[in-house]
Amino acid sequence: MHSTLVIKTLRIAKWNANGVLNHTSEIIQFLQVTNIDILLEAETQFTDRTVVKILNYSIYHCNHPDGGAAIIIRTTLQQ
């Protein structure tokens, strides 16, 4: 019996956004060009009314008066 071992590299990055809404297009381009699977965001500046969507990614965030944080995860990793 022959078996094949497949190893996938997980690409993780951290970004200090200093306001995601002001840098959404840069973040999307960064995710696409670098093929990032998980992006850790600091200083998101999200509020309870903030809505950000990125195609093929899920965004999990917490608001905080001093900046907030988010984790952006490629949806194919959540199987």
Protein backbone atom coordinates (compact mmCIF):
# COMPACT_ATOMS: atom_id res chain seq x y z
CA MET A 1 0.00 0.00 0.00
CA HIS A 2 1.31 3.44 -0.96
CA SER A 3 0.39 6.53 1.05
CA THR A 4 1.18 10.14 0.36
CA LEU A 5 1.96 12.72 3.00
CA VAL A 6 0.81 16.22 2.11
CA ILE A 7 2.20 19.10 4.13
CA LYS A 8 0.67 22.54 3.65
CA THR A 9 2.46 25.60 4.84
CA LEU A 10 0.31 27.90 6.93
CA ARG A 11 1.05 31.56 6.21
CA ILE A 12 0.42 33.90 9.17
CA ALA A 13 1.08 37.63 9.36
CA LYS A 14 0.50 40.50 11.79
CA TRP A 15 -0.57 43.98 10.68
CA ASN A 16 -0.90 47.14 12.77
CA ALA A 17 -3.77 48.69 10.86
CA ASN A 18 -4.18 51.99 12.71
CA GLY A 19 -7.75 51.87 11.43
CA VAL A 20 -8.81 49.03 9.13
CA LEU A 21 -11.42 51.10 7.29
CA ASN A 22 -8.71 53.48 6.07
CA HIS A 23 -6.53 50.62 4.83
CA THR A 24 -8.98 47.93 3.63
CA SER A 25 -7.78 47.99 0.00
CA GLU A 26 -4.13 47.70 1.13
CA ILE A 27 -5.00 44.78 3.41
CA ILE A 28 -6.90 42.97 0.63
CA GLN A 29 -3.97 43.44 -1.76
CA PHE A 30 -1.52 42.22 0.90
CA LEU A 31 -3.63 39.09 1.54
CA GLN A 32 -3.80 38.30 -2.17
CA VAL A 33 -0.18 39.02 -3.09
CA THR A 34 1.36 37.20 -0.12
CA ASN A 35 -1.23 34.38 -0.02
CA ILE A 36 -1.78 34.85 3.74
CA ASP A 37 -4.01 32.31 5.51
CA ILE A 38 -4.35 34.10 8.85
CA LEU A 39 -3.87 37.81 9.45
CA LEU A 40 -3.69 39.18 13.00
CA GLU A 41 -4.81 42.81 13.09
CA ALA A 42 -4.00 45.32 15.81
CA GLU A 43 -5.40 48.84 16.19
CA THR A 44 -8.50 48.06 14.13
CA GLN A 45 -10.48 51.03 15.48
CA PHE A 46 -13.70 49.02 14.97
CA THR A 47 -16.92 50.15 16.65
CA ASP A 48 -20.18 48.29 17.20
CA ARG A 49 -21.33 49.63 13.83
CA THR A 50 -18.24 48.65 11.79
CA VAL A 51 -18.82 46.18 8.96
CA VAL A 52 -15.88 44.92 6.93
CA LYS A 53 -16.05 41.99 4.54
CA ILE A 54 -13.19 40.44 2.60
CA LEU A 55 -13.96 37.85 -0.07
CA ASN A 56 -12.85 34.33 0.96
CA TYR A 57 -12.02 35.42 4.53
CA SER A 58 -13.89 35.48 7.83
CA ILE A 59 -13.23 38.30 10.26
CA TYR A 60 -13.44 37.87 14.03
CA HIS A 61 -12.88 41.00 16.09
CA CYS A 62 -13.20 42.60 19.49
CA ASN A 63 -13.66 46.29 20.07
CA HIS A 64 -11.60 48.15 22.62
CA PRO A 65 -11.39 51.87 23.42
CA ASP A 66 -7.63 51.80 22.82
CA GLY A 67 -7.75 50.21 19.37
CA GLY A 68 -9.21 46.71 19.22
CA ALA A 69 -8.01 43.59 17.43
CA ALA A 70 -9.14 41.20 14.72
CA ILE A 71 -8.24 37.85 13.25
CA ILE A 72 -8.85 37.40 9.53
CA ILE A 73 -8.94 33.73 8.52
CA ARG A 74 -9.12 32.23 5.03
CA THR A 75 -12.48 30.49 4.84
CA THR A 76 -11.01 27.29 3.35
CA LEU A 77 -9.14 26.72 6.63
CA GLN A 78 -12.41 26.41 8.52
CA GLN A 79 -13.45 23.04 7.13
